[in-house]
Amino acid sequence: IRVQHHPVYKRKGDDLYMDVPIDLFTALLGGKQEIYTLSGKVNITIPEGTQNGKQLRLRGKGMPVYGRRSQGDLYVKLEVKLPDKLNAEQKELIRQVKNSFRKQYA
């Protein structure tokens, strides 16, 4: 039997792995993100101050275990996506935040 690759999930045993892009502001301030699992849509909570590459574990949202009533886990890797282009006003706001951090941690 050959198992084809899935465009979203990677399988390791009974566990599934997926990458989920989040925006910079959700990573910094926290929030909710809707994702699709094998059993349907789920809202996951993104903690405040989430770093790029952080992995969240959703128990029982992986592959069904043959001959049992249990399922593997789903591991969600968060990928922080930065804006591609900023206008002059946005750049100035980011500079102000940057300077405020420098003063705070100097």
N, C-alpha and C. Protein backbone atom coordinates (compact mmCIF):
# COMPACT_ATOMS: atom_id res chain seq x y z
N ILE A 1 0.85 -1.18 0.00
CA ILE A 1 0.00 0.00 0.00
C ILE A 1 0.89 1.24 0.00
N ARG A 2 0.57 2.18 -0.85
CA ARG A 2 1.28 3.45 -0.88
C ARG A 2 0.35 4.55 -0.40
N VAL A 3 0.87 5.38 0.48
CA VAL A 3 0.10 6.51 0.98
C VAL A 3 0.61 7.77 0.29
N GLN A 4 -0.30 8.48 -0.35
CA GLN A 4 0.09 9.70 -1.05
C GLN A 4 0.30 10.83 -0.05
N HIS A 5 1.14 11.79 -0.44
CA HIS A 5 1.38 12.96 0.38
C HIS A 5 0.16 13.87 0.35
N HIS A 6 -0.15 14.47 1.48
CA HIS A 6 -1.26 15.41 1.58
C HIS A 6 -0.70 16.83 1.47
N PRO A 7 -1.41 17.75 0.81
CA PRO A 7 -0.88 19.11 0.65
C PRO A 7 -0.80 19.90 1.97
N VAL A 8 -1.55 19.51 2.99
CA VAL A 8 -1.58 20.27 4.25
C VAL A 8 -0.91 19.51 5.39
N TYR A 9 -1.20 18.23 5.51
CA TYR A 9 -0.74 17.44 6.67
C TYR A 9 0.45 16.57 6.31
N LYS A 10 1.36 16.42 7.28
CA LYS A 10 2.42 15.42 7.19
C LYS A 10 2.13 14.42 8.29
N ARG A 11 2.30 13.17 8.00
CA ARG A 11 1.97 12.12 8.96
C ARG A 11 3.24 11.46 9.49
N LYS A 12 3.28 11.27 10.82
CA LYS A 12 4.33 10.50 11.48
C LYS A 12 3.62 9.57 12.45
N GLY A 13 3.48 8.31 12.07
CA GLY A 13 2.71 7.38 12.90
C GLY A 13 1.26 7.80 12.91
N ASP A 14 0.71 7.95 14.11
CA ASP A 14 -0.69 8.37 14.24
C ASP A 14 -0.82 9.88 14.39
N ASP A 15 0.30 10.59 14.44
CA ASP A 15 0.27 12.04 14.61
C ASP A 15 0.34 12.74 13.26
N LEU A 16 -0.30 13.90 13.20
CA LEU A 16 -0.27 14.75 12.02
C LEU A 16 0.43 16.06 12.35
N TYR A 17 1.08 16.64 11.34
CA TYR A 17 1.78 17.91 11.49
C TYR A 17 1.33 18.84 10.38
N MET A 18 1.13 20.11 10.73
CA MET A 18 0.76 21.09 9.73
C MET A 18 1.38 22.44 10.08
N ASP A 19 1.61 23.25 9.05
CA ASP A 19 2.12 24.61 9.22
C ASP A 19 0.95 25.57 9.04
N VAL A 20 0.86 26.56 9.93
CA VAL A 20 -0.22 27.54 9.86
C VAL A 20 0.39 28.94 9.88
N PRO A 21 0.14 29.74 8.82
CA PRO A 21 0.65 31.11 8.83
C PRO A 21 -0.21 32.00 9.72
N ILE A 22 0.45 32.87 10.50
CA ILE A 22 -0.27 33.88 11.29
C ILE A 22 0.39 35.23 11.03
N ASP A 23 -0.38 36.30 11.23
CA ASP A 23 0.20 37.62 10.99
C ASP A 23 0.98 38.09 12.21
N LEU A 24 1.80 39.08 12.00
CA LEU A 24 2.67 39.62 13.04
C LEU A 24 1.89 40.07 14.27
N PHE A 25 0.74 40.70 14.05
CA PHE A 25 -0.02 41.27 15.15
C PHE A 25 -0.64 40.20 16.03
N THR A 26 -1.08 39.10 15.42
CA THR A 26 -1.60 37.98 16.19
C THR A 26 -0.47 37.34 16.99
N ALA A 27 0.71 37.26 16.41
CA ALA A 27 1.86 36.71 17.13
C ALA A 27 2.22 37.58 18.32
N LEU A 28 2.20 38.88 18.15
CA LEU A 28 2.57 39.80 19.22
C LEU A 28 1.51 39.90 20.31
N LEU A 29 0.25 40.03 19.91
CA LEU A 29 -0.82 40.33 20.85
C LEU A 29 -1.67 39.12 21.25
N GLY A 30 -1.49 38.01 20.53
CA GLY A 30 -2.32 36.83 20.78
C GLY A 30 -3.64 36.94 20.03
N GLY A 31 -4.38 35.86 20.04
CA GLY A 31 -5.68 35.86 19.36
C GLY A 31 -6.11 34.46 19.01
N LYS A 32 -7.09 34.37 18.14
CA LYS A 32 -7.64 33.10 17.69
C LYS A 32 -7.30 32.90 16.22
N GLN A 33 -7.18 31.63 15.84
CA GLN A 33 -6.92 31.28 14.44
C GLN A 33 -7.75 30.05 14.12
N GLU A 34 -8.52 30.11 13.05
CA GLU A 34 -9.31 28.97 12.63
C GLU A 34 -8.45 28.06 11.76
N ILE A 35 -8.46 26.77 12.08
CA ILE A 35 -7.75 25.79 11.26
C ILE A 35 -8.70 24.64 10.95
N TYR A 36 -8.34 23.87 9.95
CA TYR A 36 -9.12 22.70 9.57
C TYR A 36 -8.39 21.45 10.04
N THR A 37 -9.12 20.59 10.75
CA THR A 37 -8.60 19.30 11.19
C THR A 37 -9.36 18.21 10.44
N LEU A 38 -8.98 16.97 10.66
CA LEU A 38 -9.71 15.87 10.02
C LEU A 38 -11.16 15.81 10.48
N SER A 39 -11.42 16.32 11.68
CA SER A 39 -12.78 16.27 12.22
C SER A 39 -13.53 17.58 12.04
N GLY A 40 -12.97 18.54 11.31
CA GLY A 40 -13.66 19.79 11.04
C GLY A 40 -12.88 21.01 11.51
N LYS A 41 -13.55 22.17 11.47
CA LYS A 41 -12.91 23.43 11.86
C LYS A 41 -12.72 23.50 13.37
N VAL A 42 -11.60 24.11 13.76
CA VAL A 42 -11.29 24.31 15.18
C VAL A 42 -10.65 25.69 15.31
N ASN A 43 -11.00 26.42 16.36
CA ASN A 43 -10.32 27.67 16.67
C ASN A 43 -9.25 27.40 17.70
N ILE A 44 -8.01 27.75 17.36
CA ILE A 44 -6.92 27.58 18.31
C ILE A 44 -6.57 28.95 18.89
N THR A 45 -6.09 28.95 20.11
CA THR A 45 -5.68 30.18 20.78
C THR A 45 -4.19 30.38 20.56
N ILE A 46 -3.85 31.53 20.02
CA ILE A 46 -2.45 31.90 19.81
C ILE A 46 -2.03 32.72 21.03
N PRO A 47 -1.05 32.24 21.81
CA PRO A 47 -0.63 33.00 22.99
C PRO A 47 0.07 34.30 22.61
N GLU A 48 -0.06 35.29 23.47
CA GLU A 48 0.63 36.57 23.30
C GLU A 48 2.14 36.32 23.27
N GLY A 49 2.83 36.99 22.37
CA GLY A 49 4.28 36.86 22.28
C GLY A 49 4.75 35.57 21.62
N THR A 50 3.92 35.00 20.77
CA THR A 50 4.27 33.76 20.09
C THR A 50 5.45 33.97 19.15
N GLN A 51 6.44 33.11 19.26
CA GLN A 51 7.62 33.17 18.40
C GLN A 51 7.39 32.36 17.12
N ASN A 52 8.06 32.75 16.06
CA ASN A 52 8.00 32.01 14.82
C ASN A 52 8.47 30.58 15.05
N GLY A 53 7.72 29.62 14.54
CA GLY A 53 8.09 28.21 14.66
C GLY A 53 7.52 27.52 15.89
N LYS A 54 6.80 28.25 16.75
CA LYS A 54 6.20 27.62 17.93
C LYS A 54 5.24 26.53 17.49
N GLN A 55 5.24 25.44 18.24
CA GLN A 55 4.39 24.30 17.90
C GLN A 55 3.33 24.11 18.99
N LEU A 56 2.08 23.98 18.56
CA LEU A 56 0.97 23.71 19.46
C LEU A 56 0.51 22.27 19.25
N ARG A 57 0.09 21.61 20.32
CA ARG A 57 -0.38 20.23 20.23
C ARG A 57 -1.88 20.18 20.48
N LEU A 58 -2.60 19.56 19.56
CA LEU A 58 -4.03 19.36 19.71
C LEU A 58 -4.25 17.86 19.89
N ARG A 59 -4.51 17.48 21.12
CA ARG A 59 -4.66 16.06 21.44
C ARG A 59 -5.90 15.47 20.78
N GLY A 60 -5.74 14.28 20.23
CA GLY A 60 -6.86 13.56 19.65
C GLY A 60 -7.34 14.09 18.31
N LYS A 61 -6.57 14.96 17.67
CA LYS A 61 -6.97 15.51 16.37
C LYS A 61 -6.13 14.97 15.22
N GLY A 62 -5.39 13.90 15.48
CA GLY A 62 -4.56 13.28 14.45
C GLY A 62 -5.29 12.14 13.76
N MET A 63 -4.53 11.13 13.34
CA MET A 63 -5.09 9.98 12.63
C MET A 63 -5.79 9.03 13.60
N PRO A 64 -6.89 8.43 13.17
CA PRO A 64 -7.51 7.39 14.00
C PRO A 64 -6.56 6.20 14.15
N VAL A 65 -6.57 5.60 15.31
CA VAL A 65 -5.71 4.44 15.58
C VAL A 65 -6.53 3.18 15.26
N TYR A 66 -6.02 2.39 14.32
CA TYR A 66 -6.73 1.19 13.88
C TYR A 66 -6.99 0.25 15.05
N GLY A 67 -8.24 -0.18 15.19
CA GLY A 67 -8.61 -1.15 16.22
C GLY A 67 -8.85 -0.52 17.59
N ARG A 68 -8.74 0.81 17.71
CA ARG A 68 -8.97 1.49 18.98
C ARG A 68 -9.89 2.69 18.76
N ARG A 69 -10.37 3.22 19.85
CA ARG A 69 -11.24 4.38 19.77
C ARG A 69 -10.46 5.69 19.91
N SER A 70 -9.16 5.60 19.92
CA SER A 70 -8.33 6.80 20.12
C SER A 70 -7.81 7.34 18.79
N GLN A 71 -7.25 8.53 18.86
CA GLN A 71 -6.63 9.16 17.70
C GLN A 71 -5.29 9.73 18.11
N GLY A 72 -4.43 9.90 17.13
CA GLY A 72 -3.16 10.57 17.38
C GLY A 72 -3.37 12.05 17.61
N ASP A 73 -2.29 12.79 17.68
CA ASP A 73 -2.36 14.22 17.94
C ASP A 73 -2.05 15.00 16.67
N LEU A 74 -2.49 16.26 16.66
CA LEU A 74 -2.18 17.18 15.57
C LEU A 74 -1.24 18.24 16.12
N TYR A 75 -0.09 18.38 15.49
CA TYR A 75 0.89 19.39 15.88
C TYR A 75 0.84 20.54 14.88
N VAL A 76 0.58 21.73 15.37
CA VAL A 76 0.44 22.91 14.53
C VAL A 76 1.66 23.79 14.72
N LYS A 77 2.43 23.98 13.64
CA LYS A 77 3.61 24.85 13.68
C LYS A 77 3.18 26.23 13.17
N LEU A 78 3.38 27.25 14.00
CA LEU A 78 2.97 28.61 13.64
C LEU A 78 4.10 29.32 12.91
N GLU A 79 3.76 29.86 11.76
CA GLU A 79 4.72 30.60 10.93
C GLU A 79 4.29 32.05 10.86
N VAL A 80 5.06 32.93 11.47
CA VAL A 80 4.74 34.35 11.49
C VAL A 80 5.09 34.96 10.14
N LYS A 81 4.09 35.54 9.51
CA LYS A 81 4.29 36.18 8.20
C LYS A 81 4.38 37.70 8.39
N LEU A 82 5.44 38.27 7.85
CA LEU A 82 5.65 39.71 7.94
C LEU A 82 5.06 40.39 6.70
N PRO A 83 4.64 41.65 6.85
CA PRO A 83 4.11 42.37 5.69
C PRO A 83 5.18 42.54 4.61
N ASP A 84 4.77 42.44 3.36
CA ASP A 84 5.70 42.59 2.24
C ASP A 84 6.06 44.05 1.99
N LYS A 85 5.06 44.91 2.06
CA LYS A 85 5.27 46.33 1.74
C LYS A 85 4.62 47.17 2.84
N LEU A 86 5.29 48.25 3.18
CA LEU A 86 4.75 49.20 4.15
C LEU A 86 4.73 50.58 3.50
N ASN A 87 3.69 51.35 3.81
CA ASN A 87 3.69 52.72 3.32
C ASN A 87 4.46 53.59 4.31
N ALA A 88 4.64 54.87 4.00
CA ALA A 88 5.46 55.77 4.82
C ALA A 88 4.92 55.89 6.24
N GLU A 89 3.61 55.99 6.38
CA GLU A 89 3.00 56.13 7.71
C GLU A 89 3.24 54.87 8.56
N GLN A 90 3.09 53.71 7.95
CA GLN A 90 3.31 52.45 8.67
C GLN A 90 4.77 52.33 9.10
N LYS A 91 5.70 52.70 8.22
CA LYS A 91 7.11 52.65 8.56
C LYS A 91 7.42 53.56 9.76
N GLU A 92 6.84 54.76 9.75
CA GLU A 92 7.07 55.69 10.84
C GLU A 92 6.52 55.14 12.16
N LEU A 93 5.36 54.53 12.13
CA LEU A 93 4.79 53.93 13.34
C LEU A 93 5.70 52.81 13.88
N ILE A 94 6.24 52.02 13.00
CA ILE A 94 7.12 50.92 13.42
C ILE A 94 8.43 51.49 13.98
N ARG A 95 8.92 52.57 13.39
CA ARG A 95 10.13 53.22 13.94
C ARG A 95 9.86 53.73 15.36
N GLN A 96 8.68 54.29 15.57
CA GLN A 96 8.33 54.79 16.90
C GLN A 96 8.28 53.66 17.92
N VAL A 97 7.70 52.54 17.54
CA VAL A 97 7.64 51.38 18.43
C VAL A 97 9.06 50.88 18.70
N LYS A 98 9.87 50.81 17.67
CA LYS A 98 11.26 50.37 17.81
C LYS A 98 12.01 51.26 18.80
N ASN A 99 11.88 52.57 18.64
CA ASN A 99 12.56 53.50 19.54
C ASN A 99 12.05 53.38 20.97
N SER A 100 10.77 53.14 21.12
CA SER A 100 10.20 52.97 22.46
C SER A 100 10.77 51.73 23.14
N PHE A 101 10.98 50.66 22.37
CA PHE A 101 11.58 49.44 22.93
C PHE A 101 13.04 49.68 23.29
N ARG A 102 13.75 50.40 22.46
CA ARG A 102 15.16 50.67 22.74
C ARG A 102 15.30 51.46 24.04
N LYS A 103 14.45 52.44 24.24
CA LYS A 103 14.49 53.25 25.47
C LYS A 103 14.14 52.40 26.68
N GLN A 104 13.18 51.52 26.52
CA GLN A 104 12.71 50.69 27.63
C GLN A 104 13.78 49.69 28.07
N TYR A 105 14.53 49.14 27.12
CA TYR A 105 15.49 48.07 27.43
C TYR A 105 16.93 48.54 27.39
N ALA A 106 17.16 49.87 27.35
CA ALA A 106 18.53 50.40 27.31
C ALA A 106 19.15 50.41 28.70
